[in-house]
């Protein structure tokens, strides 16, 4: 009977060593110092870039010259028409308006009513946007849908901060 039990004992010992080895492998990754956020990526969770076209008014002579920036003249006339002001036969001549592009980053989990910061850039030949007021500007996502609306005073320079997101 002894020769018959010896192979079973060796087989049991081999299984025990194998089981301990596998258990050690299962514990080893848990002891590693990798964080989940370092090795995983979530699809669809990212900032959404928004863009819009708008007008800044109240520039006190530092806006676009309407002769050199016809898109500003067209935008101003269209806005006034929407507000009920007839400008068809009028000659628009002002340096108090500038056409601007408005950009923003919409955080991935932003909710309705959250405030976001926007950046504006002059399109025409306006030397300064200081003291201006951005009129209501819809901000569109890459899919063409309106995700936000921007309006308010323009803050100029690296030391100026305003709004809910200012620090």
N, C-alpha and C. Protein backbone atom coordinates (compact mmCIF):
# COMPACT_ATOMS: atom_id res chain seq x y z
N UNK A 1 0.80 -1.20 0.00
CA UNK A 1 0.00 0.00 0.00
C UNK A 1 0.84 1.26 0.00
N UNK A 2 1.99 1.19 0.46
CA UNK A 2 2.84 2.35 0.49
C UNK A 2 3.17 2.86 -0.91
N UNK A 3 3.50 2.02 -1.91
CA UNK A 3 3.79 2.54 -3.23
C UNK A 3 2.59 3.25 -3.86
N UNK A 4 1.38 2.82 -3.53
CA UNK A 4 0.19 3.44 -4.12
C UNK A 4 -0.07 4.82 -3.54
N UNK A 5 0.21 5.08 -2.28
CA UNK A 5 -0.04 6.35 -1.62
C UNK A 5 1.00 7.41 -1.99
N UNK A 6 2.22 7.00 -2.32
CA UNK A 6 3.28 7.95 -2.62
C UNK A 6 2.98 8.80 -3.84
N UNK A 7 2.49 8.27 -4.98
CA UNK A 7 2.15 9.14 -6.11
C UNK A 7 1.02 10.11 -5.77
N UNK A 8 0.06 9.66 -4.97
CA UNK A 8 -1.03 10.57 -4.60
C UNK A 8 -0.51 11.69 -3.71
N UNK A 9 0.43 11.38 -2.84
CA UNK A 9 1.00 12.39 -1.97
C UNK A 9 1.80 13.40 -2.78
N UNK A 10 2.56 12.92 -3.76
CA UNK A 10 3.30 13.84 -4.63
C UNK A 10 2.34 14.70 -5.45
N UNK A 11 1.29 14.07 -5.93
CA UNK A 11 0.29 14.82 -6.71
C UNK A 11 -0.38 15.89 -5.85
N UNK A 12 -0.70 15.57 -4.62
CA UNK A 12 -1.33 16.52 -3.71
C UNK A 12 -0.36 17.65 -3.37
N UNK A 13 0.92 17.31 -3.17
CA UNK A 13 1.92 18.33 -2.87
C UNK A 13 2.10 19.26 -4.06
N UNK A 14 2.11 18.72 -5.28
CA UNK A 14 2.26 19.54 -6.48
C UNK A 14 1.06 20.47 -6.63
N UNK A 15 -0.12 19.96 -6.37
CA UNK A 15 -1.34 20.79 -6.45
C UNK A 15 -1.29 21.90 -5.40
N UNK A 16 -0.79 21.59 -4.21
CA UNK A 16 -0.69 22.58 -3.15
C UNK A 16 0.30 23.69 -3.54
N UNK A 17 1.44 23.32 -4.11
CA UNK A 17 2.43 24.31 -4.54
C UNK A 17 1.85 25.17 -5.66
N UNK A 18 1.17 24.55 -6.60
CA UNK A 18 0.54 25.29 -7.71
C UNK A 18 -0.53 26.25 -7.19
N UNK A 19 -1.34 25.80 -6.26
CA UNK A 19 -2.39 26.66 -5.70
C UNK A 19 -1.79 27.84 -4.95
N UNK A 20 -0.72 27.61 -4.20
CA UNK A 20 -0.06 28.71 -3.49
C UNK A 20 0.55 29.70 -4.47
N UNK A 21 1.12 29.18 -5.54
CA UNK A 21 1.71 30.06 -6.56
C UNK A 21 0.65 30.93 -7.23
N UNK A 22 -0.48 30.32 -7.58
CA UNK A 22 -1.57 31.09 -8.19
C UNK A 22 -2.14 32.12 -7.22
N UNK A 23 -2.23 31.75 -5.97
CA UNK A 23 -2.73 32.70 -4.97
C UNK A 23 -1.76 33.87 -4.82
N UNK A 24 -0.49 33.60 -4.90
CA UNK A 24 0.51 34.67 -4.84
C UNK A 24 0.42 35.59 -6.03
N UNK A 25 0.15 35.05 -7.23
CA UNK A 25 -0.01 35.88 -8.41
C UNK A 25 -1.26 36.75 -8.32
N UNK A 26 -2.30 36.22 -7.72
CA UNK A 26 -3.54 36.98 -7.60
C UNK A 26 -3.37 38.14 -6.62
N UNK A 27 -2.52 37.99 -5.62
CA UNK A 27 -2.32 39.04 -4.64
C UNK A 27 -1.32 40.08 -5.14
N UNK A 28 -0.40 39.71 -5.99
CA UNK A 28 0.67 40.61 -6.42
C UNK A 28 0.16 41.89 -7.09
N UNK A 29 -0.80 41.85 -8.04
CA UNK A 29 -1.25 43.10 -8.64
C UNK A 29 -1.94 44.03 -7.64
N UNK A 30 -2.57 43.47 -6.63
CA UNK A 30 -3.25 44.30 -5.64
C UNK A 30 -2.25 45.12 -4.84
N UNK A 31 -1.02 44.63 -4.72
CA UNK A 31 -0.02 45.34 -3.96
C UNK A 31 0.69 46.40 -4.79
N UNK A 32 0.45 46.44 -6.11
CA UNK A 32 1.10 47.43 -6.97
C UNK A 32 0.58 48.82 -6.62
N UNK A 33 1.37 49.84 -6.95
CA UNK A 33 1.00 51.20 -6.59
C UNK A 33 0.38 51.97 -7.75
N UNK A 34 -0.25 51.31 -8.71
CA UNK A 34 -0.92 51.99 -9.82
C UNK A 34 -2.31 52.41 -9.39
N UNK A 35 -2.66 53.65 -9.79
CA UNK A 35 -4.01 54.13 -9.52
C UNK A 35 -4.87 53.85 -10.75
N UNK A 36 -6.14 53.64 -10.55
CA UNK A 36 -7.04 53.35 -11.66
C UNK A 36 -7.04 54.49 -12.66
N UNK A 37 -7.03 55.73 -12.20
CA UNK A 37 -7.07 56.86 -13.12
C UNK A 37 -5.80 56.96 -13.96
N UNK A 38 -4.69 56.31 -13.52
CA UNK A 38 -3.46 56.33 -14.30
C UNK A 38 -3.47 55.30 -15.42
N UNK A 39 -4.27 54.26 -15.28
CA UNK A 39 -4.24 53.20 -16.29
C UNK A 39 -5.55 53.06 -17.06
N UNK A 40 -6.58 53.80 -16.69
CA UNK A 40 -7.88 53.69 -17.35
C UNK A 40 -8.25 55.00 -18.02
N UNK A 41 -8.99 54.90 -19.10
CA UNK A 41 -9.53 56.07 -19.78
C UNK A 41 -11.03 55.86 -19.97
N UNK A 42 -11.78 56.92 -19.76
CA UNK A 42 -13.22 56.87 -19.96
C UNK A 42 -13.54 57.51 -21.29
N UNK A 43 -14.30 56.84 -22.09
CA UNK A 43 -14.72 57.43 -23.36
C UNK A 43 -15.95 58.29 -23.12
N UNK A 44 -16.00 59.44 -23.78
CA UNK A 44 -17.16 60.31 -23.69
C UNK A 44 -17.11 61.30 -22.54
N UNK A 45 -16.16 61.16 -21.64
CA UNK A 45 -16.06 62.10 -20.54
C UNK A 45 -14.92 63.05 -20.85
N UNK A 46 -15.26 64.20 -21.38
CA UNK A 46 -14.26 65.19 -21.78
C UNK A 46 -14.92 66.55 -21.82
N UNK A 47 -14.10 67.59 -21.89
CA UNK A 47 -14.63 68.94 -22.07
C UNK A 47 -15.23 69.05 -23.47
N UNK A 48 -16.26 69.84 -23.59
CA UNK A 48 -16.85 70.13 -24.90
C UNK A 48 -16.46 71.54 -25.28
N UNK A 49 -15.84 71.67 -26.44
CA UNK A 49 -15.42 72.98 -26.92
C UNK A 49 -16.60 73.66 -27.59
N UNK A 50 -16.85 74.90 -27.21
CA UNK A 50 -17.97 75.67 -27.75
C UNK A 50 -17.44 76.88 -28.49
N UNK A 51 -18.19 77.32 -29.50
CA UNK A 51 -17.79 78.49 -30.29
C UNK A 51 -19.03 79.27 -30.68
N UNK A 52 -18.88 80.58 -30.79
CA UNK A 52 -19.99 81.42 -31.21
C UNK A 52 -19.48 82.70 -31.84
N UNK A 53 -20.37 83.40 -32.52
CA UNK A 53 -20.07 84.68 -33.18
C UNK A 53 -20.96 85.72 -32.54
N UNK A 54 -20.37 86.85 -32.15
CA UNK A 54 -21.18 87.87 -31.50
C UNK A 54 -20.67 89.27 -31.75
N UNK A 55 -21.33 90.21 -31.11
CA UNK A 55 -20.97 91.62 -31.21
C UNK A 55 -20.67 92.18 -29.83
N UNK A 56 -19.62 92.99 -29.77
CA UNK A 56 -19.30 93.75 -28.56
C UNK A 56 -19.64 95.20 -28.86
N UNK A 57 -20.45 95.81 -28.01
CA UNK A 57 -20.88 97.20 -28.21
C UNK A 57 -20.34 98.07 -27.07
N UNK A 58 -20.45 99.40 -27.25
CA UNK A 58 -20.03 100.33 -26.21
C UNK A 58 -18.53 100.52 -26.15
N UNK A 59 -17.86 100.51 -27.30
CA UNK A 59 -16.40 100.56 -27.32
C UNK A 59 -15.81 101.96 -27.37
N UNK A 60 -16.60 102.99 -27.42
CA UNK A 60 -16.12 104.37 -27.33
C UNK A 60 -15.04 104.68 -28.37
N UNK A 61 -15.33 104.35 -29.62
CA UNK A 61 -14.42 104.70 -30.71
C UNK A 61 -13.32 103.70 -31.00
N UNK A 62 -13.25 102.58 -30.28
CA UNK A 62 -12.19 101.60 -30.52
C UNK A 62 -12.70 100.33 -31.19
N UNK A 63 -13.89 100.38 -31.79
CA UNK A 63 -14.45 99.21 -32.45
C UNK A 63 -13.97 99.08 -33.88
N UNK A 64 -14.60 98.18 -34.63
CA UNK A 64 -14.26 97.95 -36.04
C UNK A 64 -14.66 99.15 -36.88
N UNK A 65 -13.85 99.45 -37.89
CA UNK A 65 -14.30 100.43 -38.89
C UNK A 65 -15.19 99.64 -39.84
N UNK A 66 -16.41 100.06 -40.01
CA UNK A 66 -17.39 99.29 -40.78
C UNK A 66 -17.00 99.20 -42.25
N UNK A 67 -16.16 100.09 -42.71
CA UNK A 67 -15.70 100.04 -44.10
C UNK A 67 -14.74 98.87 -44.31
N UNK A 68 -13.87 98.60 -43.33
CA UNK A 68 -12.89 97.52 -43.43
C UNK A 68 -13.42 96.19 -42.92
N UNK A 69 -14.52 96.19 -42.23
CA UNK A 69 -15.09 94.96 -41.68
C UNK A 69 -16.57 94.87 -42.06
N UNK A 70 -16.87 94.48 -43.30
CA UNK A 70 -18.27 94.45 -43.74
C UNK A 70 -19.12 93.46 -42.95
N UNK A 71 -18.52 92.40 -42.42
CA UNK A 71 -19.29 91.44 -41.63
C UNK A 71 -19.81 92.08 -40.35
N UNK A 72 -19.08 93.05 -39.81
CA UNK A 72 -19.56 93.76 -38.62
C UNK A 72 -20.78 94.60 -38.98
N UNK A 73 -20.72 95.29 -40.11
CA UNK A 73 -21.85 96.11 -40.56
C UNK A 73 -23.07 95.22 -40.79
N UNK A 74 -22.89 94.08 -41.46
CA UNK A 74 -24.00 93.16 -41.74
C UNK A 74 -24.59 92.62 -40.44
N UNK A 75 -23.74 92.25 -39.50
CA UNK A 75 -24.22 91.71 -38.22
C UNK A 75 -24.97 92.76 -37.42
N UNK A 76 -24.45 93.99 -37.42
CA UNK A 76 -25.11 95.08 -36.71
C UNK A 76 -26.48 95.37 -37.32
N UNK A 77 -26.54 95.43 -38.65
CA UNK A 77 -27.82 95.69 -39.33
C UNK A 77 -28.81 94.57 -39.05
N UNK A 78 -28.37 93.31 -39.10
CA UNK A 78 -29.26 92.18 -38.84
C UNK A 78 -29.78 92.20 -37.40
N UNK A 79 -28.92 92.53 -36.46
CA UNK A 79 -29.34 92.59 -35.06
C UNK A 79 -30.37 93.70 -34.86
N UNK A 80 -30.12 94.86 -35.44
CA UNK A 80 -31.07 95.96 -35.31
C UNK A 80 -32.41 95.62 -35.97
N UNK A 81 -32.38 94.94 -37.11
CA UNK A 81 -33.62 94.50 -37.78
C UNK A 81 -34.41 93.56 -36.87
N UNK A 82 -33.71 92.61 -36.22
CA UNK A 82 -34.40 91.67 -35.32
C UNK A 82 -35.04 92.40 -34.14
N UNK A 83 -34.47 93.52 -33.77
CA UNK A 83 -35.02 94.31 -32.66
C UNK A 83 -36.07 95.32 -33.12
N UNK A 84 -36.39 95.30 -34.41
CA UNK A 84 -37.44 96.17 -34.93
C UNK A 84 -36.96 97.51 -35.45
N UNK A 85 -35.67 97.71 -35.60
CA UNK A 85 -35.13 98.98 -36.10
C UNK A 85 -34.87 98.81 -37.59
N UNK A 86 -35.49 99.67 -38.41
CA UNK A 86 -35.32 99.60 -39.86
C UNK A 86 -34.01 100.29 -40.25
N UNK A 87 -33.08 99.52 -40.82
CA UNK A 87 -31.78 100.08 -41.22
C UNK A 87 -31.52 99.93 -42.71
N UNK A 88 -32.55 99.61 -43.50
CA UNK A 88 -32.34 99.33 -44.93
C UNK A 88 -31.80 100.52 -45.70
N UNK A 89 -32.29 101.70 -45.45
CA UNK A 89 -31.83 102.88 -46.17
C UNK A 89 -30.82 103.70 -45.37
N UNK A 90 -30.49 103.24 -44.19
CA UNK A 90 -29.58 104.00 -43.32
C UNK A 90 -28.13 103.64 -43.62
N UNK A 91 -27.28 104.61 -43.47
CA UNK A 91 -25.84 104.37 -43.59
C UNK A 91 -25.29 104.21 -42.18
N UNK A 92 -24.84 102.99 -41.88
CA UNK A 92 -24.29 102.73 -40.55
C UNK A 92 -22.85 103.22 -40.52
N UNK A 93 -22.56 104.07 -39.56
CA UNK A 93 -21.21 104.60 -39.44
C UNK A 93 -20.90 104.76 -37.95
N UNK A 94 -20.27 103.76 -37.39
CA UNK A 94 -19.93 103.80 -35.98
C UNK A 94 -18.62 103.07 -35.75
N UNK A 95 -17.88 103.47 -34.75
CA UNK A 95 -16.65 102.77 -34.34
C UNK A 95 -16.83 102.22 -32.93
N UNK A 96 -18.08 102.02 -32.53
CA UNK A 96 -18.35 101.55 -31.18
C UNK A 96 -18.75 100.08 -31.11
N UNK A 97 -18.64 99.35 -32.22
CA UNK A 97 -19.06 97.95 -32.30
C UNK A 97 -17.93 97.12 -32.90
N UNK A 98 -17.76 95.90 -32.40
CA UNK A 98 -16.76 94.99 -32.96
C UNK A 98 -17.35 93.59 -33.06
N UNK A 99 -17.04 92.91 -34.17
CA UNK A 99 -17.42 91.51 -34.33
C UNK A 99 -16.38 90.64 -33.62
N UNK A 100 -16.85 89.63 -32.89
CA UNK A 100 -15.94 88.78 -32.11
C UNK A 100 -16.30 87.31 -32.26
N UNK A 101 -15.31 86.47 -32.06
CA UNK A 101 -15.52 85.04 -31.90
C UNK A 101 -15.46 84.76 -30.40
N UNK A 102 -16.37 83.93 -29.94
CA UNK A 102 -16.46 83.59 -28.52
C UNK A 102 -16.21 82.10 -28.38
N UNK A 103 -15.28 81.72 -27.51
CA UNK A 103 -14.98 80.31 -27.28
C UNK A 103 -15.10 79.99 -25.80
N UNK A 104 -15.39 78.73 -25.51
CA UNK A 104 -15.51 78.29 -24.12
C UNK A 104 -15.28 76.79 -24.04
N UNK A 105 -14.90 76.32 -22.86
CA UNK A 105 -14.82 74.90 -22.56
C UNK A 105 -15.96 74.56 -21.61
N UNK A 106 -16.83 73.66 -22.04
CA UNK A 106 -17.94 73.22 -21.20
C UNK A 106 -17.49 71.95 -20.48
N UNK A 107 -17.40 71.97 -19.14
CA UNK A 107 -16.95 70.78 -18.41
C UNK A 107 -17.89 69.59 -18.66
N UNK A 108 -17.39 68.36 -18.52
CA UNK A 108 -18.18 67.19 -18.87
C UNK A 108 -19.46 67.00 -18.05
N UNK A 109 -19.48 67.42 -16.81
CA UNK A 109 -20.67 67.20 -15.99
C UNK A 109 -21.35 68.51 -15.62
N UNK A 110 -21.25 69.50 -16.49
CA UNK A 110 -21.90 70.79 -16.24
C UNK A 110 -23.42 70.61 -16.27
N UNK A 111 -24.08 71.34 -15.41
CA UNK A 111 -25.54 71.28 -15.35
C UNK A 111 -26.13 72.59 -15.84
N UNK A 112 -27.40 72.55 -16.17
CA UNK A 112 -28.09 73.76 -16.59
C UNK A 112 -28.02 74.78 -15.46
N UNK A 113 -27.64 76.00 -15.80
CA UNK A 113 -27.52 77.06 -14.81
C UNK A 113 -26.10 77.28 -14.33
N UNK A 114 -25.19 76.33 -14.57
CA UNK A 114 -23.79 76.53 -14.21
C UNK A 114 -23.19 77.65 -15.06
N UNK A 115 -22.28 78.41 -14.49
CA UNK A 115 -21.61 79.48 -15.23
C UNK A 115 -20.25 78.99 -15.69
N UNK A 116 -19.87 79.43 -16.91
CA UNK A 116 -18.57 79.08 -17.46
C UNK A 116 -17.89 80.36 -17.94
N UNK A 117 -16.58 80.34 -17.98
CA UNK A 117 -15.82 81.48 -18.50
C UNK A 117 -15.71 81.36 -20.01
N UNK A 118 -15.73 82.50 -20.69
CA UNK A 118 -15.57 82.52 -22.14
C UNK A 118 -14.40 83.42 -22.50
N UNK A 119 -13.86 83.19 -23.69
CA UNK A 119 -12.79 84.02 -24.23
C UNK A 119 -13.30 84.63 -25.52
N UNK A 120 -13.06 85.93 -25.70
CA UNK A 120 -13.49 86.57 -26.94
C UNK A 120 -12.27 87.09 -27.69
N UNK A 121 -12.38 87.07 -29.01
CA UNK A 121 -11.30 87.55 -29.89
C UNK A 121 -11.92 88.37 -31.00
N UNK A 122 -11.34 89.54 -31.24
CA UNK A 122 -11.85 90.44 -32.29
C UNK A 122 -11.58 89.84 -33.66
N UNK A 123 -12.55 89.98 -34.56
CA UNK A 123 -12.40 89.52 -35.94
C UNK A 123 -11.95 90.62 -36.88
N UNK A 124 -12.37 91.82 -36.60
CA UNK A 124 -12.05 92.94 -37.48
C UNK A 124 -10.82 93.70 -37.04
N UNK A 125 -10.85 95.00 -37.26
CA UNK A 125 -9.68 95.84 -36.96
C UNK A 125 -9.83 96.65 -35.67
N UNK A 126 -10.65 96.18 -34.75
CA UNK A 126 -10.83 96.89 -33.48
C UNK A 126 -9.53 96.85 -32.68
N UNK A 127 -8.99 98.02 -32.31
CA UNK A 127 -7.74 98.02 -31.55
C UNK A 127 -7.92 97.60 -30.09
N UNK A 128 -9.12 97.73 -29.55
CA UNK A 128 -9.34 97.35 -28.16
C UNK A 128 -10.81 97.02 -27.93
N UNK A 129 -11.05 96.06 -27.06
CA UNK A 129 -12.42 95.70 -26.66
C UNK A 129 -12.72 96.18 -25.24
N UNK A 130 -11.80 96.93 -24.66
CA UNK A 130 -11.94 97.40 -23.29
C UNK A 130 -13.17 98.28 -23.13
N UNK A 131 -13.93 98.01 -22.08
CA UNK A 131 -15.12 98.78 -21.78
C UNK A 131 -16.35 98.33 -22.54
N UNK A 132 -16.22 97.29 -23.36
CA UNK A 132 -17.34 96.84 -24.17
C UNK A 132 -18.24 95.86 -23.44
N UNK A 133 -19.38 95.61 -24.06
CA UNK A 133 -20.37 94.67 -23.55
C UNK A 133 -20.68 93.66 -24.64
N UNK A 134 -20.47 92.38 -24.34
CA UNK A 134 -20.82 91.32 -25.29
C UNK A 134 -22.32 91.13 -25.28
N UNK A 135 -22.93 91.22 -26.45
CA UNK A 135 -24.37 90.98 -26.56
C UNK A 135 -24.64 89.49 -26.58
N UNK A 136 -25.88 89.10 -26.37
CA UNK A 136 -26.26 87.69 -26.29
C UNK A 136 -25.68 86.91 -27.47
N UNK A 137 -24.88 85.90 -27.14
CA UNK A 137 -24.19 85.09 -28.15
C UNK A 137 -24.42 83.62 -27.86
N UNK A 138 -25.12 82.90 -28.75
CA UNK A 138 -25.26 81.45 -28.55
C UNK A 138 -23.93 80.75 -28.81
N UNK A 139 -23.60 79.77 -27.97
CA UNK A 139 -22.36 79.00 -28.11
C UNK A 139 -22.72 77.59 -28.56
N UNK A 140 -22.15 77.20 -29.68
CA UNK A 140 -22.48 75.93 -30.32
C UNK A 140 -21.41 74.88 -30.08
N UNK A 141 -21.84 73.63 -29.99
CA UNK A 141 -20.92 72.51 -29.92
C UNK A 141 -20.57 72.04 -31.32
N UNK A 142 -19.75 71.00 -31.41
CA UNK A 142 -19.32 70.47 -32.70
C UNK A 142 -20.49 69.91 -33.50
N UNK A 143 -21.57 69.54 -32.82
CA UNK A 143 -22.75 68.99 -33.50
C UNK A 143 -23.72 70.08 -33.97
N UNK A 144 -23.39 71.35 -33.73
CA UNK A 144 -24.25 72.45 -34.17
C UNK A 144 -25.35 72.82 -33.20
N UNK A 145 -25.45 72.13 -32.08
CA UNK A 145 -26.46 72.42 -31.07
C UNK A 145 -25.98 73.54 -30.15
N UNK A 146 -26.92 74.35 -29.66
CA UNK A 146 -26.60 75.42 -28.71
C UNK A 146 -26.50 74.80 -27.31
N UNK A 147 -25.33 74.95 -26.67
CA UNK A 147 -25.10 74.41 -25.34
C UNK A 147 -25.02 75.49 -24.27
N UNK A 148 -24.76 76.72 -24.68
CA UNK A 148 -24.65 77.81 -23.71
C UNK A 148 -24.92 79.12 -24.42
N UNK A 149 -25.17 80.14 -23.63
CA UNK A 149 -25.37 81.50 -24.14
C UNK A 149 -24.49 82.41 -23.30
N UNK A 150 -23.82 83.34 -23.98
CA UNK A 150 -22.91 84.24 -23.28
C UNK A 150 -23.34 85.69 -23.47
N UNK A 151 -23.21 86.47 -22.42
CA UNK A 151 -23.50 87.91 -22.47
C UNK A 151 -22.86 88.55 -21.25
N UNK A 152 -22.33 89.76 -21.43
CA UNK A 152 -21.81 90.47 -20.27
C UNK A 152 -20.67 91.39 -20.60
N UNK A 153 -20.16 92.09 -19.57
CA UNK A 153 -19.06 93.03 -19.77
C UNK A 153 -17.76 92.30 -20.12
N UNK A 154 -16.93 92.98 -20.90
CA UNK A 154 -15.66 92.42 -21.33
C UNK A 154 -14.58 92.81 -20.33
N UNK A 155 -13.81 91.82 -19.86
CA UNK A 155 -12.68 92.07 -18.96
C UNK A 155 -11.40 91.90 -19.77
N UNK A 156 -10.52 92.89 -19.69
CA UNK A 156 -9.28 92.90 -20.47
C UNK A 156 -8.08 92.73 -19.55
N UNK A 157 -7.07 92.01 -20.02
CA UNK A 157 -5.80 91.92 -19.30
C UNK A 157 -5.71 90.71 -18.40
N UNK A 158 -4.47 90.39 -18.03
CA UNK A 158 -4.21 89.22 -17.21
C UNK A 158 -4.56 89.41 -15.75
N UNK A 159 -4.78 90.63 -15.30
CA UNK A 159 -5.04 90.88 -13.89
C UNK A 159 -6.51 91.10 -13.60
N UNK A 160 -7.33 91.05 -14.62
CA UNK A 160 -8.74 91.32 -14.45
C UNK A 160 -9.48 90.00 -14.30
N UNK A 161 -10.40 89.91 -13.36
CA UNK A 161 -11.18 88.70 -13.16
C UNK A 161 -12.60 89.09 -12.86
N UNK A 162 -13.53 88.32 -13.37
CA UNK A 162 -14.93 88.59 -13.10
C UNK A 162 -15.76 87.35 -13.32
N UNK A 163 -16.94 87.33 -12.81
CA UNK A 163 -17.84 86.20 -13.01
C UNK A 163 -17.71 85.17 -11.91
N UNK A 164 -18.52 84.14 -12.00
CA UNK A 164 -18.57 83.08 -11.00
C UNK A 164 -17.30 82.24 -10.97
N UNK A 165 -16.66 82.06 -12.15
CA UNK A 165 -15.47 81.21 -12.22
C UNK A 165 -14.17 81.94 -11.97
N UNK A 166 -14.20 83.20 -11.62
CA UNK A 166 -12.98 83.99 -11.45
C UNK A 166 -12.28 83.65 -10.14
N UNK A 167 -10.96 83.60 -10.21
CA UNK A 167 -10.18 83.38 -8.98
C UNK A 167 -9.05 84.36 -8.91
